[in-house]
Amino acid sequence: MPIKTSLIDKQEHIEQAARALKSISHPLRLKILCVIGDQEACVQEIVEAVGTSQSNISQHLAILREKGILLARKEAHRVFYRVGDERTLQLIGMMREVFCGG
């Protein structure tokens, strides 16, 4: 059986995948991403769903934005977050299926 090298041949894809996995490997960040899913959520909605302080959530949202996992949009005094890459959504979906039974 031949070894697939298409992903390995593209260094930028490997680096992007590694950044995404490293960014979401923290339990709270993974929980944030599961809460957001394929929707858009403001900080307060995320805080209520995750159950920790706003400052803690904001720190992790900043990391996820910095790594290019989340995109943000400001509307009046609220910031809304969404997952910026379809592949990250697929990854979260697979993790939910594998670890949470759907």
N, C-alpha and C. Protein backbone atom coordinates (compact mmCIF):
# COMPACT_ATOMS: atom_id res chain seq x y z
N MET A 1 0.85 -1.18 0.00
CA MET A 1 0.00 0.00 0.00
C MET A 1 0.89 1.24 0.00
N PRO A 2 0.71 2.15 -0.97
CA PRO A 2 1.57 3.33 -1.05
C PRO A 2 1.28 4.32 0.09
N ILE A 3 2.32 4.99 0.50
CA ILE A 3 2.20 5.99 1.55
C ILE A 3 1.75 7.30 0.92
N LYS A 4 0.74 7.92 1.53
CA LYS A 4 0.26 9.21 1.02
C LYS A 4 1.24 10.29 1.46
N THR A 5 1.73 11.04 0.50
CA THR A 5 2.69 12.09 0.82
C THR A 5 2.16 13.47 0.46
N SER A 6 0.95 13.58 -0.04
CA SER A 6 0.47 14.88 -0.50
C SER A 6 0.48 15.92 0.63
N LEU A 7 0.06 15.54 1.83
CA LEU A 7 0.08 16.48 2.95
C LEU A 7 1.50 16.76 3.39
N ILE A 8 2.32 15.73 3.43
CA ILE A 8 3.70 15.88 3.89
C ILE A 8 4.49 16.76 2.92
N ASP A 9 4.16 16.70 1.64
CA ASP A 9 4.86 17.50 0.65
C ASP A 9 4.59 19.00 0.78
N LYS A 10 3.54 19.34 1.45
CA LYS A 10 3.16 20.75 1.57
C LYS A 10 3.43 21.21 3.00
N GLN A 11 4.62 21.73 3.23
CA GLN A 11 5.07 22.12 4.56
C GLN A 11 4.11 23.09 5.24
N GLU A 12 3.55 24.03 4.45
CA GLU A 12 2.64 25.01 5.07
C GLU A 12 1.39 24.34 5.61
N HIS A 13 0.93 23.25 4.98
CA HIS A 13 -0.22 22.51 5.49
C HIS A 13 0.11 21.80 6.80
N ILE A 14 1.29 21.23 6.86
CA ILE A 14 1.74 20.57 8.09
C ILE A 14 1.82 21.58 9.23
N GLU A 15 2.41 22.74 8.95
CA GLU A 15 2.55 23.76 9.99
C GLU A 15 1.19 24.29 10.44
N GLN A 16 0.28 24.48 9.49
CA GLN A 16 -1.06 24.95 9.83
C GLN A 16 -1.79 23.92 10.69
N ALA A 17 -1.68 22.66 10.33
CA ALA A 17 -2.32 21.60 11.10
C ALA A 17 -1.74 21.53 12.51
N ALA A 18 -0.42 21.65 12.62
CA ALA A 18 0.22 21.61 13.94
C ALA A 18 -0.21 22.79 14.80
N ARG A 19 -0.29 23.98 14.21
CA ARG A 19 -0.75 25.16 14.95
C ARG A 19 -2.18 24.97 15.45
N ALA A 20 -3.04 24.46 14.57
CA ALA A 20 -4.44 24.25 14.95
C ALA A 20 -4.54 23.24 16.09
N LEU A 21 -3.84 22.13 15.96
CA LEU A 21 -3.91 21.11 17.01
C LEU A 21 -3.35 21.61 18.33
N LYS A 22 -2.25 22.34 18.27
CA LYS A 22 -1.67 22.89 19.49
C LYS A 22 -2.61 23.90 20.14
N SER A 23 -3.23 24.73 19.33
CA SER A 23 -4.14 25.75 19.85
C SER A 23 -5.35 25.16 20.53
N ILE A 24 -5.88 24.08 19.98
CA ILE A 24 -7.11 23.53 20.54
C ILE A 24 -6.86 22.44 21.57
N SER A 25 -5.59 22.15 21.84
CA SER A 25 -5.30 21.05 22.76
C SER A 25 -5.59 21.39 24.22
N HIS A 26 -5.74 22.64 24.55
CA HIS A 26 -6.07 23.04 25.92
C HIS A 26 -7.55 22.73 26.17
N PRO A 27 -7.89 22.10 27.29
CA PRO A 27 -9.29 21.71 27.53
C PRO A 27 -10.29 22.86 27.44
N LEU A 28 -9.94 24.02 27.96
CA LEU A 28 -10.88 25.15 27.93
C LEU A 28 -11.06 25.67 26.50
N ARG A 29 -9.97 25.72 25.74
CA ARG A 29 -10.09 26.19 24.35
C ARG A 29 -10.91 25.20 23.53
N LEU A 30 -10.72 23.93 23.77
CA LEU A 30 -11.52 22.93 23.06
C LEU A 30 -12.99 23.08 23.43
N LYS A 31 -13.26 23.33 24.69
CA LYS A 31 -14.65 23.53 25.13
C LYS A 31 -15.25 24.77 24.46
N ILE A 32 -14.48 25.84 24.37
CA ILE A 32 -14.94 27.06 23.70
C ILE A 32 -15.30 26.75 22.25
N LEU A 33 -14.44 26.02 21.57
CA LEU A 33 -14.70 25.70 20.17
C LEU A 33 -15.92 24.81 20.01
N CYS A 34 -16.11 23.89 20.95
CA CYS A 34 -17.30 23.04 20.91
C CYS A 34 -18.56 23.87 21.13
N VAL A 35 -18.49 24.86 22.00
CA VAL A 35 -19.63 25.75 22.25
C VAL A 35 -19.96 26.56 20.99
N ILE A 36 -18.95 27.11 20.37
CA ILE A 36 -19.17 27.92 19.17
C ILE A 36 -19.63 27.05 18.01
N GLY A 37 -18.93 25.92 17.81
CA GLY A 37 -19.29 25.02 16.71
C GLY A 37 -19.32 25.76 15.38
N ASP A 38 -20.36 25.52 14.60
CA ASP A 38 -20.46 26.17 13.29
C ASP A 38 -21.31 27.43 13.35
N GLN A 39 -21.54 27.93 14.56
CA GLN A 39 -22.33 29.14 14.76
C GLN A 39 -21.41 30.32 15.05
N GLU A 40 -22.01 31.38 15.51
CA GLU A 40 -21.28 32.56 15.95
C GLU A 40 -21.76 32.84 17.37
N ALA A 41 -20.85 33.22 18.25
CA ALA A 41 -21.24 33.48 19.64
C ALA A 41 -20.47 34.67 20.18
N CYS A 42 -21.13 35.43 21.06
CA CYS A 42 -20.46 36.56 21.70
C CYS A 42 -19.80 36.06 22.99
N VAL A 43 -18.95 36.87 23.54
CA VAL A 43 -18.18 36.49 24.72
C VAL A 43 -19.11 36.07 25.86
N GLN A 44 -20.17 36.83 26.10
CA GLN A 44 -21.06 36.52 27.21
C GLN A 44 -21.72 35.15 27.04
N GLU A 45 -22.12 34.82 25.82
CA GLU A 45 -22.72 33.50 25.56
C GLU A 45 -21.72 32.39 25.84
N ILE A 46 -20.47 32.63 25.46
CA ILE A 46 -19.43 31.63 25.69
C ILE A 46 -19.17 31.47 27.19
N VAL A 47 -19.09 32.59 27.90
CA VAL A 47 -18.87 32.57 29.35
C VAL A 47 -19.98 31.76 30.03
N GLU A 48 -21.23 32.03 29.67
CA GLU A 48 -22.36 31.32 30.28
C GLU A 48 -22.33 29.82 29.98
N ALA A 49 -21.96 29.47 28.76
CA ALA A 49 -21.95 28.06 28.36
C ALA A 49 -20.78 27.29 28.99
N VAL A 50 -19.63 27.96 29.09
CA VAL A 50 -18.42 27.28 29.57
C VAL A 50 -18.35 27.31 31.09
N GLY A 51 -18.80 28.41 31.71
CA GLY A 51 -18.85 28.47 33.15
C GLY A 51 -17.56 28.87 33.84
N THR A 52 -16.86 29.82 33.27
CA THR A 52 -15.68 30.38 33.92
C THR A 52 -15.72 31.89 33.76
N SER A 53 -14.71 32.58 34.26
CA SER A 53 -14.74 34.04 34.25
C SER A 53 -14.56 34.60 32.84
N GLN A 54 -15.06 35.81 32.66
CA GLN A 54 -14.94 36.48 31.36
C GLN A 54 -13.48 36.73 31.03
N SER A 55 -12.67 37.10 32.03
CA SER A 55 -11.26 37.37 31.75
C SER A 55 -10.54 36.10 31.30
N ASN A 56 -10.87 34.96 31.90
CA ASN A 56 -10.28 33.69 31.50
C ASN A 56 -10.68 33.34 30.07
N ILE A 57 -11.95 33.48 29.76
CA ILE A 57 -12.44 33.20 28.40
C ILE A 57 -11.76 34.14 27.41
N SER A 58 -11.67 35.42 27.76
CA SER A 58 -11.07 36.40 26.86
C SER A 58 -9.62 36.07 26.54
N GLN A 59 -8.87 35.59 27.53
CA GLN A 59 -7.47 35.19 27.30
C GLN A 59 -7.40 34.06 26.27
N HIS A 60 -8.26 33.08 26.42
CA HIS A 60 -8.24 31.93 25.51
C HIS A 60 -8.78 32.30 24.13
N LEU A 61 -9.76 33.19 24.08
CA LEU A 61 -10.24 33.67 22.78
C LEU A 61 -9.13 34.41 22.04
N ALA A 62 -8.34 35.18 22.77
CA ALA A 62 -7.23 35.91 22.16
C ALA A 62 -6.21 34.94 21.56
N ILE A 63 -5.92 33.87 22.24
CA ILE A 63 -4.99 32.86 21.72
C ILE A 63 -5.54 32.23 20.46
N LEU A 64 -6.82 31.87 20.48
CA LEU A 64 -7.45 31.24 19.32
C LEU A 64 -7.50 32.20 18.13
N ARG A 65 -7.68 33.48 18.39
CA ARG A 65 -7.65 34.48 17.31
C ARG A 65 -6.24 34.63 16.77
N GLU A 66 -5.27 34.73 17.68
CA GLU A 66 -3.87 34.92 17.29
C GLU A 66 -3.39 33.77 16.40
N LYS A 67 -3.85 32.58 16.69
CA LYS A 67 -3.43 31.39 15.92
C LYS A 67 -4.26 31.19 14.66
N GLY A 68 -5.23 32.08 14.44
CA GLY A 68 -6.02 32.00 13.21
C GLY A 68 -7.15 30.97 13.27
N ILE A 69 -7.47 30.50 14.46
CA ILE A 69 -8.54 29.51 14.61
C ILE A 69 -9.90 30.21 14.60
N LEU A 70 -9.99 31.35 15.28
CA LEU A 70 -11.24 32.10 15.36
C LEU A 70 -11.14 33.41 14.61
N LEU A 71 -12.26 33.83 14.06
CA LEU A 71 -12.41 35.15 13.49
C LEU A 71 -13.37 35.93 14.39
N ALA A 72 -13.19 37.23 14.45
CA ALA A 72 -14.05 38.06 15.30
C ALA A 72 -14.66 39.18 14.49
N ARG A 73 -15.86 39.55 14.92
CA ARG A 73 -16.55 40.68 14.31
C ARG A 73 -17.17 41.47 15.44
N LYS A 74 -17.00 42.79 15.36
CA LYS A 74 -17.53 43.66 16.41
C LYS A 74 -18.85 44.27 15.95
N GLU A 75 -19.82 44.24 16.84
CA GLU A 75 -21.12 44.85 16.57
C GLU A 75 -21.50 45.65 17.81
N ALA A 76 -21.50 46.95 17.67
CA ALA A 76 -21.72 47.86 18.80
C ALA A 76 -20.67 47.55 19.88
N HIS A 77 -21.07 47.16 21.07
CA HIS A 77 -20.12 46.88 22.15
C HIS A 77 -19.86 45.39 22.34
N ARG A 78 -20.36 44.56 21.43
CA ARG A 78 -20.18 43.11 21.56
C ARG A 78 -19.27 42.58 20.45
N VAL A 79 -18.47 41.58 20.80
CA VAL A 79 -17.61 40.92 19.84
C VAL A 79 -18.15 39.51 19.64
N PHE A 80 -18.33 39.14 18.39
CA PHE A 80 -18.83 37.82 18.04
C PHE A 80 -17.70 37.01 17.42
N TYR A 81 -17.62 35.75 17.83
CA TYR A 81 -16.56 34.87 17.36
C TYR A 81 -17.14 33.72 16.56
N ARG A 82 -16.36 33.29 15.56
CA ARG A 82 -16.73 32.10 14.80
C ARG A 82 -15.45 31.40 14.36
N VAL A 83 -15.56 30.11 14.12
CA VAL A 83 -14.42 29.33 13.64
C VAL A 83 -14.16 29.76 12.20
N GLY A 84 -12.91 30.06 11.90
CA GLY A 84 -12.57 30.63 10.60
C GLY A 84 -12.23 29.64 9.52
N ASP A 85 -12.09 28.37 9.84
CA ASP A 85 -11.63 27.39 8.85
C ASP A 85 -12.52 26.15 8.91
N GLU A 86 -13.05 25.78 7.78
CA GLU A 86 -13.93 24.60 7.68
C GLU A 86 -13.23 23.34 8.17
N ARG A 87 -11.94 23.23 7.95
CA ARG A 87 -11.21 22.03 8.39
C ARG A 87 -11.19 21.93 9.91
N THR A 88 -11.10 23.07 10.59
CA THR A 88 -11.15 23.06 12.06
C THR A 88 -12.52 22.59 12.53
N LEU A 89 -13.57 23.04 11.85
CA LEU A 89 -14.93 22.58 12.19
C LEU A 89 -15.05 21.07 12.00
N GLN A 90 -14.46 20.55 10.93
CA GLN A 90 -14.49 19.10 10.70
C GLN A 90 -13.75 18.37 11.81
N LEU A 91 -12.62 18.91 12.22
CA LEU A 91 -11.83 18.30 13.28
C LEU A 91 -12.61 18.27 14.60
N ILE A 92 -13.26 19.38 14.94
CA ILE A 92 -14.07 19.44 16.15
C ILE A 92 -15.21 18.43 16.07
N GLY A 93 -15.84 18.36 14.91
CA GLY A 93 -16.93 17.40 14.71
C GLY A 93 -16.47 15.97 14.90
N MET A 94 -15.30 15.64 14.36
CA MET A 94 -14.77 14.28 14.51
C MET A 94 -14.44 13.99 15.97
N MET A 95 -13.88 14.97 16.68
CA MET A 95 -13.56 14.76 18.09
C MET A 95 -14.81 14.56 18.91
N ARG A 96 -15.86 15.32 18.62
CA ARG A 96 -17.13 15.12 19.31
C ARG A 96 -17.64 13.70 19.09
N GLU A 97 -17.57 13.26 17.84
CA GLU A 97 -18.06 11.93 17.50
C GLU A 97 -17.25 10.84 18.19
N VAL A 98 -15.95 10.97 18.18
CA VAL A 98 -15.08 9.95 18.73
C VAL A 98 -15.11 9.94 20.27
N PHE A 99 -15.06 11.13 20.87
CA PHE A 99 -14.93 11.20 22.33
C PHE A 99 -16.25 11.39 23.06
N CYS A 100 -17.26 11.89 22.38
CA CYS A 100 -18.53 12.21 23.06
C CYS A 100 -19.68 11.36 22.52
N GLY A 101 -19.41 10.48 21.61
CA GLY A 101 -20.46 9.64 21.05
C GLY A 101 -21.46 10.41 20.22
N GLY A 102 -20.99 11.45 19.52
CA GLY A 102 -21.89 12.21 18.64
C GLY A 102 -22.02 13.56 19.13
